[in-house]
Amino acid sequence: MSVVQKPPSPLQSYLTAATAIPTLTNLGLTDGPIVIRPIFKTQDMHTDDFGPDVPADVMPMIAEVIIDMTLIHYDESLLRKCIAEAMGGGTEGTLVGAGTPLGAMLPVGVNGNHYISLNISSPVLNEPWRFPASYLMTNVELPLGTGRTAARLRWRAIPYVSPQRSFASNALLANDYLISAGAVLWDHTADT
């Protein structure tokens, strides 16, 4: 699935997916800025000579990104598909088995992988942002009323990778492995 945001206000959102949304489709318009917050995870490296309070070095462990946006004039059926993908696929409001991985150990864009590729482009920055493995978080707000309904969405992007293996079987083998080095959390190449 791909989502594209085109600033300035109002921003437009577009989606595609392997099966849920087969073509690039307009999700809606935003009513303000999109906030991108990278969250870098680190681990201090302590040595006796430096003492307990200041590290001798810091190891970057991994990172994630939180993306907040508010949509107005959105395609409700398309948003329902995004919500369903965030719930593990299937029908919006219907749970899949607890513990079912969103990626299902499959490459992004393959049927059965429910991550969404979120794309944001800004004419002000003149550079796109692409988050290839993202999903809607629990902070989805859909206020109902008689006036304008603005959907407040929070996306989480992770550096998802599928195991290095043969896809002849969906079962993980003893020699399958995951490597975080080189995993793309974001880049500046928009999906086409």
Protein backbone atom coordinates (compact mmCIF):
# COMPACT_ATOMS: atom_id res chain seq x y z
CA MET A 1 0.00 0.00 0.00
CA SER A 2 1.28 3.51 -0.74
CA VAL A 3 0.13 6.83 0.66
CA VAL A 4 1.20 10.13 -0.86
CA GLN A 5 0.78 13.53 0.82
CA LYS A 6 1.23 16.68 -1.30
CA PRO A 7 1.62 19.95 0.72
CA PRO A 8 0.97 22.86 1.15
CA SER A 9 -2.44 22.92 2.81
CA PRO A 10 -4.64 21.31 1.80
CA LEU A 11 -2.50 18.19 1.44
CA GLN A 12 -3.66 15.27 -0.69
CA SER A 13 -3.25 11.60 0.24
CA TYR A 14 -2.95 8.73 -2.23
CA LEU A 15 -2.90 4.98 -1.57
CA THR A 16 -1.98 1.77 -3.37
CA ALA A 17 -1.62 -1.79 -2.07
CA ALA A 18 -0.79 -5.25 -3.33
CA THR A 19 -4.41 -6.40 -3.03
CA ALA A 20 -6.48 -4.08 -0.81
CA ILE A 21 -5.95 -0.98 -3.01
CA PRO A 22 -4.60 -2.07 -6.42
CA THR A 23 -4.19 1.41 -7.99
CA LEU A 24 -3.01 4.82 -6.79
CA THR A 25 -6.08 6.33 -5.13
CA ASN A 26 -6.77 9.67 -3.43
CA LEU A 27 -7.42 9.20 0.31
CA GLY A 28 -8.22 12.82 1.18
CA LEU A 29 -6.99 16.29 2.05
CA THR A 30 -5.20 17.42 5.22
CA ASP A 31 -6.16 20.61 7.01
CA GLY A 32 -2.67 21.54 8.18
CA PRO A 33 0.92 20.39 8.46
CA ILE A 34 2.07 16.80 8.72
CA VAL A 35 4.39 16.29 11.69
CA ILE A 36 7.27 13.81 11.22
CA ARG A 37 9.07 12.72 14.43
CA PRO A 38 12.03 10.34 14.10
CA ILE A 39 12.72 8.51 17.37
CA PHE A 40 16.30 7.32 17.59
CA LYS A 41 17.09 4.47 19.99
CA THR A 42 20.60 4.42 21.43
CA GLN A 43 22.57 2.53 24.05
CA ASP A 44 25.34 4.09 26.12
CA MET A 45 28.68 2.27 26.13
CA HIS A 46 30.31 2.59 29.55
CA THR A 47 33.90 1.84 30.49
CA ASP A 48 35.51 1.92 33.93
CA ASP A 49 37.80 4.80 33.01
CA PHE A 50 34.88 7.12 32.08
CA GLY A 51 32.89 6.34 35.23
CA PRO A 52 29.19 5.42 35.53
CA ASP A 53 27.59 8.70 34.41
CA VAL A 54 29.12 9.62 31.03
CA PRO A 55 29.45 7.06 28.24
CA ALA A 56 32.69 6.52 26.37
CA ASP A 57 30.60 6.14 23.22
CA VAL A 58 26.99 5.70 22.13
CA MET A 59 25.67 2.89 19.91
CA PRO A 60 22.76 3.66 17.60
CA MET A 61 20.44 0.70 18.07
CA ILE A 62 17.56 1.33 15.70
CA ALA A 63 14.88 3.96 15.06
CA GLU A 64 11.21 4.47 14.30
CA VAL A 65 9.17 7.43 13.05
CA ILE A 66 5.81 8.79 14.19
CA ILE A 67 3.82 10.76 11.58
CA ASP A 68 0.75 12.78 12.62
CA MET A 69 -1.82 14.23 10.21
CA THR A 70 -5.45 15.33 10.17
CA LEU A 71 -7.51 14.45 7.10
CA ILE A 72 -10.62 16.32 5.94
CA HIS A 73 -12.76 15.48 2.90
CA TYR A 74 -11.37 11.94 2.91
CA ASP A 75 -12.48 8.76 1.19
CA GLU A 76 -14.14 6.86 4.04
CA SER A 77 -13.98 3.45 2.33
CA LEU A 78 -10.26 3.91 1.63
CA LEU A 79 -9.59 4.95 5.23
CA ARG A 80 -11.46 1.83 6.36
CA LYS A 81 -9.07 -0.25 4.23
CA CYS A 82 -6.09 1.45 5.93
CA ILE A 83 -7.62 0.67 9.33
CA ALA A 84 -8.22 -2.95 8.27
CA GLU A 85 -4.58 -3.27 7.14
CA ALA A 86 -3.43 -1.89 10.52
CA MET A 87 -5.55 -4.59 12.18
CA GLY A 88 -3.79 -7.33 10.21
CA GLY A 89 -5.93 -7.35 7.07
CA GLY A 90 -9.42 -8.59 6.50
CA THR A 91 -12.44 -6.47 7.37
CA GLU A 92 -12.28 -3.22 9.34
CA GLY A 93 -13.39 -3.87 12.91
CA THR A 94 -12.71 -7.61 12.75
CA LEU A 95 -9.64 -8.87 14.60
CA VAL A 96 -7.16 -11.36 13.25
CA GLY A 97 -5.56 -13.79 15.68
CA ALA A 98 -3.62 -12.14 18.50
CA GLY A 99 0.09 -12.11 17.79
CA THR A 100 -0.28 -12.18 14.00
CA PRO A 101 2.61 -10.12 12.54
CA LEU A 102 1.59 -7.31 10.16
CA GLY A 103 4.46 -8.12 7.82
CA ALA A 104 3.94 -11.89 8.02
CA MET A 105 7.70 -12.21 7.32
CA LEU A 106 6.95 -11.30 3.68
CA PRO A 107 8.49 -8.49 1.61
CA VAL A 108 6.62 -5.17 1.60
CA GLY A 109 4.07 -5.00 -1.22
CA VAL A 110 3.46 -8.76 -1.32
CA ASN A 111 -0.04 -10.13 -0.66
CA GLY A 112 -0.20 -10.95 3.05
CA ASN A 113 2.10 -8.11 4.17
CA HIS A 114 -0.09 -5.36 5.66
CA TYR A 115 2.44 -2.52 5.97
CA ILE A 116 1.64 0.66 4.03
CA SER A 117 4.20 2.72 2.14
CA LEU A 118 3.55 6.30 3.24
CA ASN A 119 4.81 9.00 0.85
CA ILE A 120 4.90 12.72 1.67
CA SER A 121 6.00 15.40 -0.79
CA SER A 122 6.40 19.10 -0.11
CA PRO A 123 6.84 21.82 -2.73
CA VAL A 124 8.38 23.94 0.05
CA LEU A 125 11.12 21.40 0.79
CA ASN A 126 11.09 20.16 -2.82
CA GLU A 127 11.96 16.66 -1.62
CA PRO A 128 9.69 13.66 -0.99
CA TRP A 129 9.72 11.54 2.17
CA ARG A 130 8.88 7.84 1.83
CA PHE A 131 8.27 5.47 4.74
CA PRO A 132 8.06 2.00 3.11
CA ALA A 133 6.78 0.09 6.18
CA SER A 134 4.18 2.05 8.14
CA TYR A 135 0.79 1.45 9.69
CA LEU A 136 -1.96 3.38 11.47
CA MET A 137 -1.45 3.36 15.23
CA THR A 138 -4.03 3.14 17.99
CA ASN A 139 -4.39 6.92 18.02
CA VAL A 140 -6.83 7.01 15.07
CA GLU A 141 -9.59 9.49 15.95
CA LEU A 142 -12.79 9.58 13.91
CA PRO A 143 -15.07 12.18 15.54
CA LEU A 144 -18.68 11.88 14.46
CA GLY A 145 -20.94 14.93 14.28
CA THR A 146 -23.16 17.06 12.13
CA GLY A 147 -20.32 19.31 10.90
CA ARG A 148 -17.03 18.59 9.21
CA THR A 149 -15.48 15.29 10.33
CA ALA A 150 -11.71 15.47 10.56
CA ALA A 151 -9.86 12.15 10.92
CA ARG A 152 -6.79 12.49 13.13
CA LEU A 153 -4.29 9.82 12.14
CA ARG A 154 -1.02 8.71 13.68
CA TRP A 155 1.24 6.50 11.58
CA ARG A 156 4.23 4.55 12.83
CA ALA A 157 7.06 3.68 10.44
CA ILE A 158 9.52 0.92 11.29
CA PRO A 159 12.63 -0.43 9.52
CA TYR A 160 10.88 -3.65 8.47
CA VAL A 161 12.80 -6.36 6.66
CA SER A 162 11.72 -9.85 5.75
CA PRO A 163 13.99 -12.80 6.58
CA GLN A 164 16.70 -13.75 4.13
CA ARG A 165 15.19 -17.01 2.87
CA SER A 166 13.55 -18.91 0.09
CA PHE A 167 9.81 -18.25 -0.19
CA ALA A 168 8.99 -21.82 -1.21
CA SER A 169 7.48 -22.26 2.25
CA ASN A 170 5.94 -19.73 4.63
CA ALA A 171 7.46 -21.58 7.59
CA LEU A 172 10.58 -19.99 9.02
CA LEU A 173 13.59 -22.27 8.89
CA ALA A 174 16.33 -22.62 11.49
CA ASN A 175 18.82 -20.76 9.25
CA ASP A 176 16.51 -17.77 8.50
CA TYR A 177 17.77 -14.48 9.86
CA LEU A 178 16.88 -10.78 10.07
CA ILE A 179 19.46 -8.04 9.55
CA SER A 180 18.76 -4.42 10.54
CA ALA A 181 21.81 -3.04 8.70
CA GLY A 182 20.60 -1.47 5.48
CA ALA A 183 16.89 -1.61 6.43
CA VAL A 184 15.13 1.48 5.05
CA LEU A 185 13.20 3.47 7.65
CA TRP A 186 12.75 6.38 5.25
CA ASP A 187 14.25 7.72 2.06
CA HIS A 188 13.61 10.59 -0.33
CA THR A 189 12.41 8.60 -3.34
CA ALA A 190 8.65 8.63 -3.88
CA ASP A 191 6.80 5.47 -4.90
CA THR A 192 5.63 5.52 -8.50
